Amino acid sequence: MSHSESIDPRYVSRPPVRPKKRRNWFARIIGLIVLLFVLSLICIPLLAWGKINKVDVMPSGERPADTSGTTYLLVGSDGREGLSRAERAKLHTGNAAGQRTDSIMLLHVPESGPTALVSLPRDSYVPIPGHGKNKINAAFAFGGPKLLIQTVEGVTGLRVDHYVEIGFGGFASIVDAVGGINMCLPKAIKDDKAHIDLPAGCQDLNGPNALGYVRARHFDPLGDLGRVQRQREMIGAIAGKAVGPGTFLNPFRFYKLSTAGAEALTIDSDMGPLTLLKFARGMKAVSAGGSGVTLTVPVSDTNLSTPNGSAVKWDNKKATALFNALKEDKTTGLKST
């Protein structure tokens, strides 16, 4: 066949036609969701950090020496400042003026070993610098966080590294932000002064009921000692739920908790984000099922007669042994009470 002859196009070899790549939109959407999730875990805490109230509370002058581990002073304040009339009615806080401490706890996070959460009953009778002997919660009323830290350091010999405070409204908002806290009550609780009437058994407590649960003491034959046990139990339950996967995997709950927690907290100005995270992890360690221990400073008299009314007297020998164990970072031998 000559070159001049035409070639039948049917016999011409053609390159194969490649099908267009099908875009995997599902994989792209999943990737975008993962990216947004990771960004939320970074951006939401950064946003919340800017809303936390930071104050200069660390005392100057002579203080206990630095020790291993990190010791936080955790305070629950009963101040009504900043609460609207509707919020006071909802939380049943009353209209008392001034600020006092409904709960005082030391959280010691050691370099190794179990974390320890120690309650200091608010009616503990102790020397307050410049004010003689009085109930420990009076230190907060006399001189705020700085004087309270001085008082705690003086009676324990422990150096307080950081300070964390939460008020009435903030506590309730955090409980609501995590979707309530499940508590199992062995007996029904009715306390008119705390405005709670709770049946026996396991139940979810919302913010106002949880606040009443940790404030109530008049129904309890153990009084303030029974209350501090319930406070530790509740705080541990909140921490366990707040730092659990149910919060981090739920962007809406994570955002609500982060913003509620930021608006509720007051911390010392020396605390950074990583130190606050260490505090949160320490609180989770003392939650139910955690490796930490929770206890109350040993007492010898729960009805000590003083010029300032009935107070709590510590068992000095046992209390000193406890604080020395914390000071030396030896928490392994401590047992929950």
Protein backbone atom coordinates (compact mmCIF):
# COMPACT_ATOMS: atom_id res chain seq x y z
CA MET A 1 0.00 0.00 0.00
CA SER A 2 1.43 3.30 -1.03
CA HIS A 3 1.85 6.26 1.25
CA SER A 4 -0.52 8.14 -0.89
CA GLU A 5 -3.33 5.75 -0.12
CA SER A 6 -5.59 6.74 2.73
CA ILE A 7 -5.52 4.76 5.92
CA ASP A 8 -8.72 3.44 7.32
CA PRO A 9 -9.15 5.25 10.67
CA ARG A 10 -10.62 2.10 12.17
CA TYR A 11 -7.16 0.54 12.19
CA VAL A 12 -5.30 3.46 13.69
CA SER A 13 -3.96 2.69 17.20
CA ARG A 14 -5.14 5.24 19.76
CA PRO A 15 -3.91 5.74 23.32
CA PRO A 16 -6.30 4.39 25.92
CA VAL A 17 -8.67 6.93 27.43
CA ARG A 18 -8.00 7.26 31.16
CA PRO A 19 -11.07 7.69 33.30
CA LYS A 20 -11.14 10.87 35.36
CA LYS A 21 -10.13 10.41 38.99
CA ARG A 22 -13.14 10.28 41.22
CA ARG A 23 -12.83 12.69 44.04
CA ASN A 24 -13.25 11.15 47.43
CA TRP A 25 -15.42 13.80 48.97
CA PHE A 26 -16.14 11.68 52.02
CA ALA A 27 -12.43 11.51 52.93
CA ARG A 28 -12.11 15.25 52.41
CA ILE A 29 -15.04 15.97 54.72
CA ILE A 30 -13.65 13.66 57.40
CA GLY A 31 -10.27 15.37 57.10
CA LEU A 32 -11.88 18.77 57.49
CA ILE A 33 -13.80 17.64 60.56
CA VAL A 34 -10.61 16.29 62.14
CA LEU A 35 -8.80 19.55 61.37
CA LEU A 36 -11.59 21.63 62.93
CA PHE A 37 -11.60 19.34 65.97
CA VAL A 38 -7.86 19.75 66.49
CA LEU A 39 -8.11 23.52 66.03
CA SER A 40 -10.92 23.68 68.60
CA LEU A 41 -8.75 21.84 71.14
CA ILE A 42 -6.14 24.57 70.66
CA CYS A 43 -8.17 27.72 70.09
CA ILE A 44 -10.89 27.28 72.73
CA PRO A 45 -8.44 26.97 75.66
CA LEU A 46 -6.47 29.97 74.36
CA LEU A 47 -9.68 31.99 74.20
CA ALA A 48 -10.68 30.84 77.68
CA TRP A 49 -7.25 31.61 79.13
CA GLY A 50 -7.71 35.29 78.33
CA LYS A 51 -10.92 35.38 80.39
CA ILE A 52 -9.51 33.92 83.61
CA ASN A 53 -9.13 36.44 86.43
CA LYS A 54 -5.48 36.60 87.50
CA VAL A 55 -4.50 38.34 90.75
CA ASP A 56 -1.32 39.07 92.68
CA VAL A 57 -1.90 37.09 95.88
CA MET A 58 1.43 35.60 96.85
CA PRO A 59 2.71 37.05 100.14
CA SER A 60 6.10 38.66 100.48
CA GLY A 61 8.60 38.32 103.32
CA GLU A 62 9.60 35.14 105.08
CA ARG A 63 7.90 32.03 103.74
CA PRO A 64 8.44 28.25 103.95
CA ALA A 65 11.15 26.92 101.68
CA ASP A 66 10.37 25.46 98.27
CA THR A 67 9.75 21.71 98.31
CA SER A 68 9.42 18.97 95.71
CA GLY A 69 6.11 18.72 93.93
CA THR A 70 3.54 21.48 93.51
CA THR A 71 1.08 22.61 96.17
CA TYR A 72 -2.11 24.45 95.22
CA LEU A 73 -4.44 26.22 97.65
CA LEU A 74 -7.99 25.66 96.40
CA VAL A 75 -10.64 27.96 97.84
CA GLY A 76 -14.41 28.01 97.46
CA SER A 77 -15.56 31.56 98.13
CA ASP A 78 -19.07 32.44 99.29
CA GLY A 79 -18.86 36.01 98.00
CA ARG A 80 -22.09 37.23 96.35
CA GLU A 81 -20.40 40.03 94.45
CA GLY A 82 -21.21 39.88 90.74
CA LEU A 83 -24.35 37.79 91.21
CA SER A 84 -27.61 39.33 90.03
CA ARG A 85 -30.74 39.26 92.18
CA ALA A 86 -32.11 36.45 89.98
CA GLU A 87 -28.87 34.44 90.32
CA ARG A 88 -28.90 34.84 94.11
CA ALA A 89 -32.47 33.62 94.20
CA LYS A 90 -31.70 30.66 91.91
CA LEU A 91 -28.64 29.61 93.92
CA HIS A 92 -30.19 30.44 97.31
CA THR A 93 -27.09 32.34 98.40
CA GLY A 94 -28.77 35.03 100.45
CA ASN A 95 -27.44 38.57 100.64
CA ALA A 96 -24.62 38.34 103.18
CA ALA A 97 -21.98 41.01 102.67
CA GLY A 98 -18.25 40.42 102.44
CA GLN A 99 -16.37 37.30 101.46
CA ARG A 100 -15.58 34.14 103.35
CA THR A 101 -14.36 30.70 102.38
CA ASP A 102 -16.85 27.87 102.32
CA SER A 103 -14.08 25.39 101.53
CA ILE A 104 -10.29 25.37 101.88
CA MET A 105 -8.23 22.55 100.40
CA LEU A 106 -4.60 21.81 99.63
CA LEU A 107 -3.86 19.85 96.46
CA HIS A 108 -0.33 18.44 96.46
CA VAL A 109 0.92 17.04 93.16
CA PRO A 110 4.19 15.19 93.91
CA GLU A 111 7.04 14.49 91.52
CA SER A 112 6.15 10.82 91.92
CA GLY A 113 3.49 9.01 93.90
CA PRO A 114 -0.22 9.65 94.40
CA THR A 115 -1.69 13.16 94.36
CA ALA A 116 -3.20 14.23 97.70
CA LEU A 117 -6.22 16.49 98.32
CA VAL A 118 -6.45 17.65 101.93
CA SER A 119 -9.42 19.52 103.40
CA LEU A 120 -8.83 22.19 106.05
CA PRO A 121 -12.17 22.62 107.87
CA ARG A 122 -13.21 26.27 107.65
CA ASP A 123 -13.81 26.37 111.43
CA SER A 124 -10.23 25.23 112.20
CA TYR A 125 -8.94 27.34 115.11
CA VAL A 126 -5.53 28.69 114.09
CA PRO A 127 -3.30 31.75 114.54
CA ILE A 128 -3.88 34.39 111.86
CA PRO A 129 -0.95 36.81 111.34
CA GLY A 130 -1.83 40.17 112.90
CA HIS A 131 -5.22 39.00 114.17
CA GLY A 132 -4.56 36.48 116.95
CA LYS A 133 -6.30 33.11 116.93
CA ASN A 134 -9.53 32.66 115.04
CA LYS A 135 -11.32 30.34 112.65
CA ILE A 136 -9.23 29.86 109.52
CA ASN A 137 -11.90 31.19 107.16
CA ALA A 138 -11.73 34.53 109.00
CA ALA A 139 -8.29 35.06 107.43
CA PHE A 140 -9.95 35.45 104.03
CA ALA A 141 -12.46 37.95 105.46
CA PHE A 142 -9.69 39.95 107.17
CA GLY A 143 -7.14 40.10 104.37
CA GLY A 144 -8.30 38.17 101.31
CA PRO A 145 -6.28 35.45 99.56
CA LYS A 146 -2.88 36.85 100.57
CA LEU A 147 -3.59 36.63 104.31
CA LEU A 148 -5.20 33.22 103.88
CA ILE A 149 -2.07 31.93 102.15
CA GLN A 150 0.09 33.35 104.96
CA THR A 151 -2.14 31.66 107.52
CA VAL A 152 -2.11 28.28 105.76
CA GLU A 153 1.66 28.39 105.30
CA GLY A 154 2.13 29.31 108.96
CA VAL A 155 0.09 26.42 110.35
CA THR A 156 1.17 23.74 107.85
CA GLY A 157 4.81 24.64 107.16
CA LEU A 158 4.05 24.03 103.46
CA ARG A 159 4.84 26.58 100.79
CA VAL A 160 1.78 27.35 98.67
CA ASP A 161 2.97 27.45 95.06
CA HIS A 162 -0.31 28.48 93.43
CA TYR A 163 -3.79 29.72 94.27
CA VAL A 164 -7.15 28.74 92.71
CA GLU A 165 -10.49 30.26 93.76
CA ILE A 166 -14.03 29.61 92.60
CA GLY A 167 -17.22 31.38 93.71
CA PHE A 168 -20.84 30.32 94.14
CA GLY A 169 -22.03 31.18 90.64
CA GLY A 170 -18.93 29.80 88.99
CA PHE A 171 -19.25 26.44 90.72
CA ALA A 172 -22.87 26.03 89.63
CA SER A 173 -22.11 27.07 86.04
CA ILE A 174 -19.30 24.50 85.77
CA VAL A 175 -21.59 21.72 87.01
CA ASP A 176 -24.21 22.70 84.43
CA ALA A 177 -21.54 22.98 81.71
CA VAL A 178 -20.55 19.32 82.13
CA GLY A 179 -24.19 18.24 82.03
CA GLY A 180 -24.68 17.73 85.77
CA ILE A 181 -22.93 15.46 88.24
CA ASN A 182 -24.16 12.03 89.28
CA MET A 183 -24.09 11.52 93.04
CA CYS A 184 -25.23 8.46 94.98
CA LEU A 185 -26.80 9.47 98.30
CA PRO A 186 -27.06 6.72 100.93
CA LYS A 187 -29.82 8.72 102.65
CA ALA A 188 -32.21 11.46 101.68
CA ILE A 189 -30.95 14.97 102.38
CA LYS A 190 -33.16 17.84 103.46
CA ASP A 191 -31.48 21.04 104.57
CA ASP A 192 -33.63 24.17 104.62
CA LYS A 193 -30.66 26.52 105.02
CA ALA A 194 -28.95 25.03 101.95
CA HIS A 195 -32.33 24.88 100.15
CA ILE A 196 -32.04 21.24 99.09
CA ASP A 197 -34.43 18.32 99.39
CA LEU A 198 -32.82 15.33 97.69
CA PRO A 199 -34.03 11.69 97.74
CA ALA A 200 -31.78 8.76 98.53
CA GLY A 201 -30.13 6.96 95.64
CA CYS A 202 -28.08 7.85 92.56
CA GLN A 203 -29.17 10.97 90.72
CA ASP A 204 -27.86 13.78 88.50
CA LEU A 205 -27.46 17.07 90.34
CA ASN A 206 -27.67 20.34 88.42
CA GLY A 207 -25.70 23.44 89.40
CA PRO A 208 -27.97 24.80 92.18
CA ASN A 209 -28.54 21.37 93.74
CA ALA A 210 -24.83 20.54 93.56
CA LEU A 211 -24.02 23.83 95.27
CA GLY A 212 -26.53 23.10 98.02
CA TYR A 213 -25.09 19.59 98.39
CA VAL A 214 -21.56 20.86 99.07
CA ARG A 215 -22.72 23.72 101.30
CA ALA A 216 -25.17 21.82 103.51
CA ARG A 217 -24.04 20.81 106.97
CA HIS A 218 -26.95 21.28 109.38
CA PHE A 219 -28.54 17.94 108.42
CA ASP A 220 -25.23 16.12 108.83
CA PRO A 221 -24.33 14.76 112.30
CA LEU A 222 -20.67 15.20 111.31
CA GLY A 223 -21.25 18.91 110.66
CA ASP A 224 -18.39 20.59 108.85
CA LEU A 225 -16.35 17.36 108.70
CA GLY A 226 -19.14 15.66 106.78
CA ARG A 227 -19.41 18.62 104.49
CA VAL A 228 -15.71 18.64 103.55
CA GLN A 229 -16.00 14.95 102.63
CA ARG A 230 -18.88 15.77 100.27
CA GLN A 231 -16.94 18.72 98.85
CA ARG A 232 -13.97 16.53 97.97
CA GLU A 233 -16.28 13.91 96.48
CA MET A 234 -18.07 16.48 94.34
CA ILE A 235 -14.92 18.27 93.17
CA GLY A 236 -13.34 14.96 92.23
CA ALA A 237 -16.47 13.99 90.27
CA ILE A 238 -16.47 17.32 88.42
CA ALA A 239 -12.79 16.98 87.56
CA GLY A 240 -13.25 13.40 86.38
CA LYS A 241 -16.06 14.40 84.04
CA ALA A 242 -14.48 17.67 82.90
CA VAL A 243 -11.19 16.05 81.86
CA GLY A 244 -12.84 12.90 80.50
CA PRO A 245 -13.29 11.95 76.83
CA GLY A 246 -16.99 12.86 76.98
CA THR A 247 -15.96 16.50 77.21
CA PHE A 248 -13.09 16.58 74.72
CA LEU A 249 -15.05 14.63 72.09
CA ASN A 250 -18.04 16.96 72.41
CA PRO A 251 -17.06 20.38 70.98
CA PHE A 252 -20.18 22.08 72.36
CA ARG A 253 -19.61 20.80 75.90
CA PHE A 254 -15.89 21.54 75.62
CA TYR A 255 -16.58 25.15 74.61
CA LYS A 256 -19.25 25.62 77.29
CA LEU A 257 -17.04 24.17 80.01
CA SER A 258 -13.96 26.14 78.92
CA THR A 259 -15.79 29.47 78.93
CA ALA A 260 -17.71 28.72 82.15
CA GLY A 261 -14.54 27.60 83.90
CA ALA A 262 -12.60 30.64 82.71
CA GLU A 263 -15.25 33.06 83.97
CA ALA A 264 -15.53 31.18 87.28
CA LEU A 265 -11.85 30.96 88.23
CA THR A 266 -9.49 33.34 89.95
CA ILE A 267 -5.84 32.24 89.93
CA ASP A 268 -2.52 33.72 91.00
CA SER A 269 -0.76 35.84 88.41
CA ASP A 270 2.29 33.53 88.40
CA MET A 271 0.32 30.55 87.10
CA GLY A 272 0.69 29.66 83.43
CA PRO A 273 -1.49 27.45 81.19
CA LEU A 274 0.68 24.37 81.73
CA THR A 275 0.56 24.82 85.51
CA LEU A 276 -3.22 25.11 85.37
CA LEU A 277 -3.34 21.96 83.24
CA LYS A 278 -1.22 20.21 85.88
CA PHE A 279 -3.78 21.32 88.47
CA ALA A 280 -6.64 19.91 86.37
CA ARG A 281 -4.82 16.59 85.96
CA GLY A 282 -4.17 16.52 89.71
CA MET A 283 -7.87 17.04 90.40
CA LYS A 284 -8.72 14.20 88.03
CA ALA A 285 -6.28 11.96 89.93
CA VAL A 286 -8.29 12.42 93.13
CA SER A 287 -11.62 11.68 91.42
CA ALA A 288 -13.39 8.37 91.95
CA GLY A 289 -11.27 5.57 90.50
CA GLY A 290 -8.19 7.77 90.34
CA SER A 291 -4.83 7.02 91.91
CA GLY A 292 -4.91 9.95 94.36
CA VAL A 293 -5.88 10.15 98.02
CA THR A 294 -8.38 12.48 99.69
CA LEU A 295 -8.42 13.22 103.39
CA THR A 296 -9.17 15.78 106.08
CA VAL A 297 -6.50 17.21 108.34
CA PRO A 298 -6.66 15.13 111.57
CA VAL A 299 -8.72 16.76 114.34
CA SER A 300 -8.95 16.13 118.06
CA ASP A 301 -11.99 18.25 118.93
CA THR A 302 -14.89 19.29 116.69
CA ASN A 303 -16.56 21.43 119.34
CA LEU A 304 -13.77 23.53 120.80
CA SER A 305 -15.10 26.44 122.86
CA THR A 306 -13.40 29.71 121.84
CA PRO A 307 -14.10 33.46 122.11
CA ASN A 308 -15.12 33.21 118.45
CA GLY A 309 -17.64 30.43 118.99
CA SER A 310 -17.43 26.68 118.55
CA ALA A 311 -14.40 25.70 116.47
CA VAL A 312 -12.37 22.72 115.26
CA LYS A 313 -9.07 21.81 116.93
CA TRP A 314 -6.46 19.89 114.97
CA ASP A 315 -4.63 16.87 116.31
CA ASN A 316 -1.25 18.60 116.23
CA LYS A 317 0.89 15.47 116.23
CA LYS A 318 -1.00 13.75 113.40
CA ALA A 319 -1.45 16.98 111.45
CA THR A 320 2.29 17.69 111.64
CA ALA A 321 3.06 14.18 110.37
CA LEU A 322 0.68 14.70 107.46
CA PHE A 323 2.15 18.04 106.43
CA ASN A 324 5.70 16.72 106.78
CA ALA A 325 4.80 13.87 104.42
CA LEU A 326 3.55 16.40 101.86
CA LYS A 327 6.58 18.60 102.39
CA GLU A 328 8.90 15.65 101.76
CA ASP A 329 6.82 14.48 98.76
CA LYS A 330 6.06 11.19 100.52
CA THR A 331 2.39 10.63 99.68
CA THR A 332 2.56 6.89 99.07
CA GLY A 333 1.76 6.01 102.67
CA LEU A 334 -1.26 8.33 102.93
CA LYS A 335 -4.73 6.82 103.04
CA SER A 336 -8.06 8.36 102.08
CA THR A 337 -10.42 9.21 104.95
